């Protein structure tokens, strides 16, 4: 069992890494971290004493005064070093630096200087240290106008604004899911190393904006699942849709075409493949109570009455959606939201399910947790 602490646990990458470690409780024990630990020396010392591995992610990314960014980021590194030396402990420290190390700005300088301070600590104390030089990271739930232009583009488009491109450069990008898998793969390395984290792909800023405009037109406005060329576009699509206002977006009512033969309803229009299935559910029965980290999924109620519940992993807030087969409608399942469906009517519930990939029992991407 490896005891892992993550400074900056509540942040974008920290939250994803913490949640992913929770998928393997037999291998990793998560040592909870809160930001106020840096304000109390005794608590911080107690924290580092518990950890076999510390992933140092806590940092400031933006401020009107770049010197404040530098001072805070270097200060956090020094506090961490002081706590470890006071406790005479040598956990394996992994530090999230940035490709901005080589740029002429104080944020990049704070990352470079912080990495070098931790390298010296590791050499001085014969500890293991991994300095991760990370490309541009994107993924679900990152903060618009703070973490990444991708979050900003998605948020603006969904809210009816037009993003502006300042510099149409070619950007190396890594999905947060790829990053945390890479980080975990470094846990058992020894020595003092600097590692350039490989990007998933490289694309121009305008290309990302064009793709998101397609997502906005096809999916956000019309409910069509767009054509997704590869896993990178699946990850970009999941990122895009994480900014939807789910409370007000769903359930989406479908159009019923009625004639003397009966009723015809179009449930899914898509540019991708995947798997379609259906279920019948008896009154009072609940299905689901699981979540996915990559799959795109749609539940469409075509007969009976249902309640669909969603809860983001790590949150206590439950969203309830009520669907009726007399007015066929659907709800899409966001990644990292545990979900279920319950028959709340008096007759059998008929539900159609679509998911963007066939089920693979060796890699099901399905994790059980009660809503």
Protein backbone atom coordinates (compact mmCIF):
# COMPACT_ATOMS: atom_id res chain seq x y z
CA UNK A 1 0.00 0.00 0.00
CA UNK A 2 1.42 3.38 -1.05
CA UNK A 3 0.29 6.38 1.00
CA UNK A 4 -0.16 9.31 -1.39
CA UNK A 5 -0.66 12.98 -0.57
CA UNK A 6 -1.57 15.62 -3.13
CA UNK A 7 -1.00 19.28 -2.33
CA UNK A 8 -3.54 21.28 -4.28
CA UNK A 9 -5.91 18.32 -4.03
CA UNK A 10 -8.96 20.55 -4.55
CA UNK A 11 -7.61 21.95 -7.83
CA UNK A 12 -8.25 20.79 -11.38
CA UNK A 13 -5.47 18.18 -11.74
CA UNK A 14 -5.50 17.39 -8.01
CA UNK A 15 -9.18 16.45 -8.03
CA UNK A 16 -8.76 14.13 -11.02
CA UNK A 17 -5.65 12.49 -9.56
CA UNK A 18 -7.32 12.02 -6.15
CA UNK A 19 -10.41 10.46 -7.75
CA UNK A 20 -8.37 8.16 -9.97
CA UNK A 21 -6.30 6.88 -7.03
CA UNK A 22 -9.60 6.06 -5.35
CA UNK A 23 -10.29 3.52 -8.09
CA UNK A 24 -7.48 1.32 -6.71
CA UNK A 25 -7.99 1.28 -2.91
CA UNK A 26 -5.97 -1.93 -2.62
CA UNK A 27 -2.87 -0.17 -3.99
CA UNK A 28 -3.13 3.42 -2.76
CA UNK A 29 -4.14 5.08 0.48
CA UNK A 30 -5.08 8.71 -0.14
CA UNK A 31 -3.89 11.11 2.58
CA UNK A 32 -6.39 14.01 2.42
CA UNK A 33 -4.98 17.51 1.98
CA UNK A 34 -6.65 20.88 2.49
CA UNK A 35 -5.26 24.24 1.39
CA UNK A 36 -5.16 25.63 4.93
CA UNK A 37 -2.46 23.09 5.83
CA UNK A 38 0.08 25.58 4.45
CA UNK A 39 -1.11 28.11 7.06
CA UNK A 40 -0.36 25.83 10.01
CA UNK A 41 3.16 24.47 10.38
CA UNK A 42 2.15 21.73 12.83
CA UNK A 43 -0.57 20.40 10.53
CA UNK A 44 1.74 20.49 7.50
CA UNK A 45 4.44 18.61 9.41
CA UNK A 46 1.91 15.99 10.48
CA UNK A 47 0.76 15.68 6.90
CA UNK A 48 4.20 15.03 5.34
CA UNK A 49 4.91 12.49 8.08
CA UNK A 50 2.03 10.32 6.81
CA UNK A 51 3.05 10.22 3.13
CA UNK A 52 5.17 7.78 1.13
CA UNK A 53 4.59 9.92 -1.98
CA UNK A 54 3.75 13.62 -2.21
CA UNK A 55 2.56 15.07 -5.52
CA UNK A 56 3.10 18.81 -5.17
CA UNK A 57 0.50 20.51 -7.37
CA UNK A 58 -0.41 23.50 -5.17
CA UNK A 59 0.42 26.70 -7.03
CA UNK A 60 -0.97 30.01 -8.21
CA UNK A 61 -1.44 30.28 -11.98
CA UNK A 62 -2.80 33.81 -12.44
CA UNK A 63 -2.63 37.16 -10.68
CA UNK A 64 -2.52 40.77 -11.79
CA UNK A 65 0.98 41.04 -10.27
CA UNK A 66 3.37 38.36 -11.62
CA UNK A 67 5.67 38.86 -8.63
CA UNK A 68 2.88 37.63 -6.34
CA UNK A 69 2.67 34.42 -8.42
CA UNK A 70 6.41 33.88 -8.07
CA UNK A 71 6.56 34.60 -4.35
CA UNK A 72 3.59 32.36 -3.49
CA UNK A 73 4.76 29.41 -5.60
CA UNK A 74 8.32 29.52 -4.24
CA UNK A 75 6.96 30.02 -0.73
CA UNK A 76 4.85 26.86 -0.97
CA UNK A 77 7.87 24.83 -2.09
CA UNK A 78 9.99 26.17 0.78
CA UNK A 79 7.24 25.41 3.31
CA UNK A 80 7.02 21.85 2.03
CA UNK A 81 10.79 21.40 2.27
CA UNK A 82 10.92 22.91 5.75
CA UNK A 83 8.17 20.56 6.96
CA UNK A 84 9.90 17.45 5.55
CA UNK A 85 13.27 18.43 7.00
CA UNK A 86 11.76 19.25 10.40
CA UNK A 87 10.15 15.80 10.48
CA UNK A 88 13.25 14.13 9.01
CA UNK A 89 11.13 12.33 6.39
CA UNK A 90 11.96 11.65 2.76
CA UNK A 91 8.81 10.80 0.79
CA UNK A 92 9.13 10.55 -2.97
CA UNK A 93 8.17 14.03 -4.12
CA UNK A 94 6.76 14.63 -7.58
CA UNK A 95 6.60 18.27 -8.63
CA UNK A 96 4.36 19.57 -11.40
CA UNK A 97 6.39 22.04 -13.40
CA UNK A 98 5.51 23.49 -16.79
CA UNK A 99 6.83 23.90 -20.30
CA UNK A 100 6.73 27.60 -19.43
CA UNK A 101 10.00 27.01 -17.56
CA UNK A 102 11.81 28.19 -20.66
CA UNK A 103 9.70 31.31 -21.20
CA UNK A 104 10.50 34.78 -19.94
CA UNK A 105 7.77 35.10 -17.31
CA UNK A 106 7.66 34.87 -13.53
CA UNK A 107 5.19 31.98 -13.50
CA UNK A 108 7.59 29.85 -15.56
CA UNK A 109 10.50 31.04 -13.44
CA UNK A 110 8.65 30.04 -10.26
CA UNK A 111 8.20 26.54 -11.66
CA UNK A 112 11.84 26.20 -12.67
CA UNK A 113 13.20 27.59 -9.41
CA UNK A 114 10.75 25.49 -7.37
CA UNK A 115 11.82 22.33 -9.18
CA UNK A 116 15.49 23.11 -8.58
CA UNK A 117 14.89 23.76 -4.86
CA UNK A 118 13.25 20.34 -4.52
CA UNK A 119 16.05 18.70 -6.51
CA UNK A 120 18.59 20.13 -4.04
CA UNK A 121 16.47 18.95 -1.10
CA UNK A 122 16.35 15.43 -2.56
CA UNK A 123 20.12 15.29 -3.18
CA UNK A 124 20.84 16.71 0.27
CA UNK A 125 18.58 14.18 1.98
CA UNK A 126 19.16 11.20 -0.35
CA UNK A 127 15.48 11.19 -1.30
CA UNK A 128 13.69 10.46 -4.57
CA UNK A 129 12.39 13.38 -6.59
CA UNK A 130 10.67 13.60 -9.97
CA UNK A 131 10.38 16.98 -11.66
CA UNK A 132 7.54 16.73 -14.19
CA UNK A 133 7.69 19.26 -17.02
CA UNK A 134 4.06 19.24 -18.15
CA UNK A 135 2.58 20.52 -21.44
CA UNK A 136 -0.78 22.29 -21.60
CA UNK A 137 -3.35 20.26 -19.64
CA UNK A 138 -7.07 20.18 -20.40
CA UNK A 139 -10.01 18.15 -19.19
CA UNK A 140 -13.39 18.15 -17.49
CA UNK A 141 -14.09 20.75 -14.79
CA UNK A 142 -11.04 22.98 -15.33
CA UNK A 143 -11.71 26.65 -14.59
CA UNK A 144 -12.54 28.95 -17.53
CA UNK A 145 -10.31 32.01 -17.81
CA UNK A 146 -7.80 30.36 -15.48
CA UNK A 147 -6.53 26.84 -16.24
CA UNK A 148 -6.65 26.56 -20.03
CA UNK A 149 -7.96 28.23 -23.18
CA UNK A 150 -9.91 25.03 -23.89
CA UNK A 151 -12.06 25.53 -20.79
CA UNK A 152 -12.57 29.18 -21.74
CA UNK A 153 -13.62 28.33 -25.30
CA UNK A 154 -16.13 25.69 -24.15
CA UNK A 155 -17.62 27.89 -21.44
CA UNK A 156 -18.03 30.90 -23.74
CA UNK A 157 -19.59 28.98 -26.62
CA UNK A 158 -22.08 27.18 -24.38
CA UNK A 159 -23.06 30.52 -22.85
CA UNK A 160 -23.62 32.23 -26.20
CA UNK A 161 -20.33 34.14 -26.38
CA UNK A 162 -17.77 34.10 -29.17
CA UNK A 163 -14.21 33.31 -28.02
CA UNK A 164 -11.39 35.43 -29.38
CA UNK A 165 -8.06 33.98 -30.49
CA UNK A 166 -5.16 36.16 -29.37
CA UNK A 167 -2.36 34.06 -30.91
CA UNK A 168 -3.15 31.20 -33.26
CA UNK A 169 -0.20 29.07 -32.24
CA UNK A 170 0.22 25.31 -32.40
CA UNK A 171 -0.17 23.94 -28.89
CA UNK A 172 0.97 20.65 -27.37
CA UNK A 173 -1.87 19.26 -25.26
CA UNK A 174 -2.31 16.47 -22.73
CA UNK A 175 -5.64 15.24 -21.39
CA UNK A 176 -5.83 15.25 -17.61
CA UNK A 177 -6.57 11.50 -17.69
CA UNK A 178 -3.31 10.87 -19.55
CA UNK A 179 -1.43 13.10 -17.11
CA UNK A 180 -2.57 11.40 -13.93
CA UNK A 181 -1.80 7.97 -15.40
CA UNK A 182 1.69 9.21 -16.24
CA UNK A 183 2.14 10.64 -12.73
CA UNK A 184 1.08 7.39 -11.07
CA UNK A 185 3.54 5.53 -13.30
CA UNK A 186 6.38 7.55 -11.72
CA UNK A 187 5.55 6.72 -8.09
CA UNK A 188 8.03 3.88 -7.68
CA UNK A 189 10.94 5.49 -9.52
CA UNK A 190 14.11 6.15 -7.52
CA UNK A 191 16.67 8.91 -7.74
CA UNK A 192 16.43 12.54 -8.82
CA UNK A 193 15.09 12.99 -12.33
CA UNK A 194 13.58 15.64 -14.58
CA UNK A 195 10.93 14.18 -16.90
CA UNK A 196 9.36 15.81 -19.92
CA UNK A 197 5.76 14.58 -19.87
CA UNK A 198 4.75 13.64 -23.43
CA UNK A 199 1.79 15.42 -24.95
CA UNK A 200 -1.15 13.50 -26.42
CA UNK A 201 -1.28 15.60 -29.58
CA UNK A 202 -0.56 19.03 -31.05
CA UNK A 203 -3.16 21.31 -32.64
CA UNK A 204 -3.59 24.94 -33.58
CA UNK A 205 -5.77 27.05 -31.35
CA UNK A 206 -8.08 27.85 -34.27
CA UNK A 207 -8.52 24.13 -34.94
CA UNK A 208 -9.72 23.56 -31.37
CA UNK A 209 -12.12 26.49 -31.64
CA UNK A 210 -13.51 25.18 -34.95
CA UNK A 211 -14.05 21.74 -33.41
CA UNK A 212 -15.81 23.24 -30.37
CA UNK A 213 -18.04 25.33 -32.62
CA UNK A 214 -19.12 22.07 -34.28
CA UNK A 215 -19.76 20.52 -30.85
CA UNK A 216 -21.80 23.55 -29.87
CA UNK A 217 -23.95 23.50 -33.01
CA UNK A 218 -24.43 19.75 -33.23
CA UNK A 219 -24.57 18.74 -29.58
CA UNK A 220 -25.32 21.68 -27.29
CA UNK A 221 -27.91 23.17 -29.64
CA UNK A 222 -29.34 20.09 -31.40
CA UNK A 223 -28.43 17.04 -29.30
CA UNK A 224 -26.54 15.21 -32.09
CA UNK A 225 -23.51 13.17 -31.04
CA UNK A 226 -20.76 14.48 -33.36
CA UNK A 227 -18.28 12.44 -35.34
CA UNK A 228 -15.24 11.88 -33.12
CA UNK A 229 -12.18 10.87 -35.10
CA UNK A 230 -10.08 9.42 -32.26
CA UNK A 231 -9.66 9.23 -28.49
CA UNK A 232 -8.33 12.80 -28.40
CA UNK A 233 -11.59 14.10 -29.87
CA UNK A 234 -13.56 11.95 -27.42
CA UNK A 235 -11.60 13.58 -24.59
CA UNK A 236 -12.18 17.05 -26.06
CA UNK A 237 -15.90 16.30 -26.42
CA UNK A 238 -16.19 15.10 -22.83
CA UNK A 239 -14.36 18.25 -21.75
CA UNK A 240 -16.67 20.45 -23.81
CA UNK A 241 -19.87 18.94 -22.46
CA UNK A 242 -18.69 19.19 -18.85
CA UNK A 243 -19.53 22.92 -19.04
CA UNK A 244 -23.20 22.36 -19.86
CA UNK A 245 -25.75 23.49 -17.31
CA UNK A 246 -27.11 19.99 -16.71
CA UNK A 247 -29.78 21.15 -14.29
CA UNK A 248 -31.47 23.21 -17.00
CA UNK A 249 -30.37 21.26 -20.07
CA UNK A 250 -31.98 17.90 -19.26
CA UNK A 251 -34.20 16.05 -19.81
CA UNK A 252 -34.45 16.91 -23.49
CA UNK A 253 -37.90 16.30 -24.98
CA UNK A 254 -38.07 14.38 -28.25
CA UNK A 255 -40.51 14.80 -31.14
CA UNK A 256 -43.24 12.16 -31.46
CA UNK A 257 -44.46 11.38 -34.98
CA UNK A 258 -47.97 9.90 -34.69
CA UNK A 259 -50.03 8.30 -37.45
CA UNK A 260 -52.47 5.40 -37.85
CA UNK A 261 -49.68 2.88 -37.36
CA UNK A 262 -48.66 4.27 -33.95
CA UNK A 263 -45.74 6.41 -32.77
CA UNK A 264 -42.25 6.92 -34.20
CA UNK A 265 -39.53 8.79 -32.25
CA UNK A 266 -35.95 9.55 -33.31
CA UNK A 267 -33.81 9.06 -30.19
CA UNK A 268 -30.18 9.45 -31.27
CA UNK A 269 -28.54 11.17 -34.23
CA UNK A 270 -24.83 10.55 -34.31
CA UNK A 271 -21.63 10.62 -36.25
CA UNK A 272 -20.03 7.89 -34.15
CA UNK A 273 -20.75 4.20 -33.66
CA UNK A 274 -21.05 2.43 -30.36
CA UNK A 275 -23.73 0.22 -28.87
CA UNK A 276 -27.51 0.60 -28.49
CA UNK A 277 -29.47 -1.48 -25.99
CA UNK A 278 -32.72 -1.34 -24.09
CA UNK A 279 -34.09 -2.51 -20.78
CA UNK A 280 -37.37 -3.10 -19.06
CA UNK A 281 -37.48 -2.23 -15.37
CA UNK A 282 -40.16 -3.22 -12.89
CA UNK A 283 -41.83 -0.62 -10.66
CA UNK A 284 -39.67 0.51 -7.76
CA UNK A 285 -36.47 -0.99 -9.18
CA UNK A 286 -33.26 1.03 -9.61
CA UNK A 287 -30.55 0.34 -12.19
CA UNK A 288 -27.05 1.79 -12.37
CA UNK A 289 -25.31 3.48 -9.44
CA UNK A 290 -22.04 3.60 -11.33
CA UNK A 291 -19.92 6.10 -13.24
CA UNK A 292 -17.56 6.24 -16.20
CA UNK A 293 -14.33 8.15 -16.79
CA UNK A 294 -14.41 8.27 -20.60
CA UNK A 295 -17.66 6.84 -22.00
CA UNK A 296 -20.40 8.95 -23.60
CA UNK A 297 -23.82 7.63 -22.67
CA UNK A 298 -27.49 8.54 -23.29
CA UNK A 299 -30.58 7.23 -21.47
CA UNK A 300 -33.87 7.64 -23.38
CA UNK A 301 -37.16 6.79 -21.69
CA UNK A 302 -39.75 5.57 -24.20
CA UNK A 303 -42.40 4.10 -21.92
CA UNK A 304 -43.26 4.52 -18.26
CA UNK A 305 -42.09 7.02 -15.65
CA UNK A 306 -38.49 7.32 -14.50
CA UNK A 307 -36.24 9.32 -12.22
CA UNK A 308 -32.63 9.69 -13.31
CA UNK A 309 -30.15 10.85 -10.68
CA UNK A 310 -26.65 12.29 -11.19
CA UNK A 311 -24.00 13.13 -8.59
CA UNK A 312 -20.50 14.32 -9.33
CA UNK A 313 -17.83 12.18 -7.65
CA UNK A 314 -16.59 14.04 -4.57
CA UNK A 315 -19.79 16.11 -4.31
CA UNK A 316 -22.93 15.66 -2.21
CA UNK A 317 -25.24 17.46 -4.66
CA UNK A 318 -27.73 15.14 -6.40
CA UNK A 319 -29.52 16.22 -9.57
CA UNK A 320 -32.93 14.63 -10.17
CA UNK A 321 -34.54 14.40 -13.61
CA UNK A 322 -38.06 13.10 -14.19
CA UNK A 323 -38.93 11.51 -17.53
CA UNK A 324 -42.21 10.17 -18.91
CA UNK A 325 -42.61 7.88 -21.92
CA UNK A 326 -45.71 9.83 -22.93
CA UNK A 327 -43.27 12.64 -23.75
CA UNK A 328 -40.12 10.70 -24.79
CA UNK A 329 -36.97 12.41 -23.57
CA UNK A 330 -33.34 11.70 -22.73
CA UNK A 331 -30.55 12.58 -20.33
CA UNK A 332 -26.84 12.28 -21.21
CA UNK A 333 -24.45 11.01 -18.56
CA UNK A 334 -21.37 13.19 -17.96
CA UNK A 335 -18.10 11.46 -17.10
CA UNK A 336 -17.18 11.33 -13.39
CA UNK A 337 -20.87 11.53 -12.40
CA UNK A 338 -22.36 8.45 -10.74
CA UNK A 339 -25.87 7.87 -12.06
CA UNK A 340 -28.91 5.67 -11.78
CA UNK A 341 -32.42 5.27 -13.16
CA UNK A 342 -35.47 4.24 -11.11
CA UNK A 343 -38.93 3.17 -12.25
CA UNK A 344 -41.21 5.49 -10.29
CA UNK A 345 -44.38 4.50 -12.16
CA UNK A 346 -46.91 1.68 -11.90
CA UNK A 347 -46.04 -0.06 -15.19
CA UNK A 348 -42.87 -1.49 -16.68
CA UNK A 349 -40.29 1.13 -17.64
CA UNK A 350 -38.79 0.88 -21.14
CA UNK A 351 -35.41 2.61 -21.52
CA UNK A 352 -33.07 2.77 -24.49
CA UNK A 353 -29.34 3.11 -23.78
CA UNK A 354 -26.66 4.28 -26.20
CA UNK A 355 -22.95 4.29 -25.41
CA UNK A 356 -20.13 5.26 -27.73
CA UNK A 357 -18.09 2.06 -27.40
CA UNK A 358 -18.85 -1.65 -27.18
CA UNK A 359 -18.63 -3.16 -23.74
CA UNK A 360 -15.23 -4.73 -23.01
CA UNK A 361 -15.25 -6.78 -19.76
CA UNK A 362 -11.47 -6.35 -19.47
CA UNK A 363 -11.75 -2.55 -19.64
CA UNK A 364 -15.34 -1.75 -18.76
CA UNK A 365 -14.73 1.82 -17.50
CA UNK A 366 -17.58 1.24 -15.06
CA UNK A 367 -17.10 1.99 -11.35
CA UNK A 368 -19.86 1.34 -8.83
CA UNK A 369 -20.84 4.02 -6.33
CA UNK A 370 -24.27 4.83 -4.91
CA UNK A 371 -25.74 8.13 -6.06
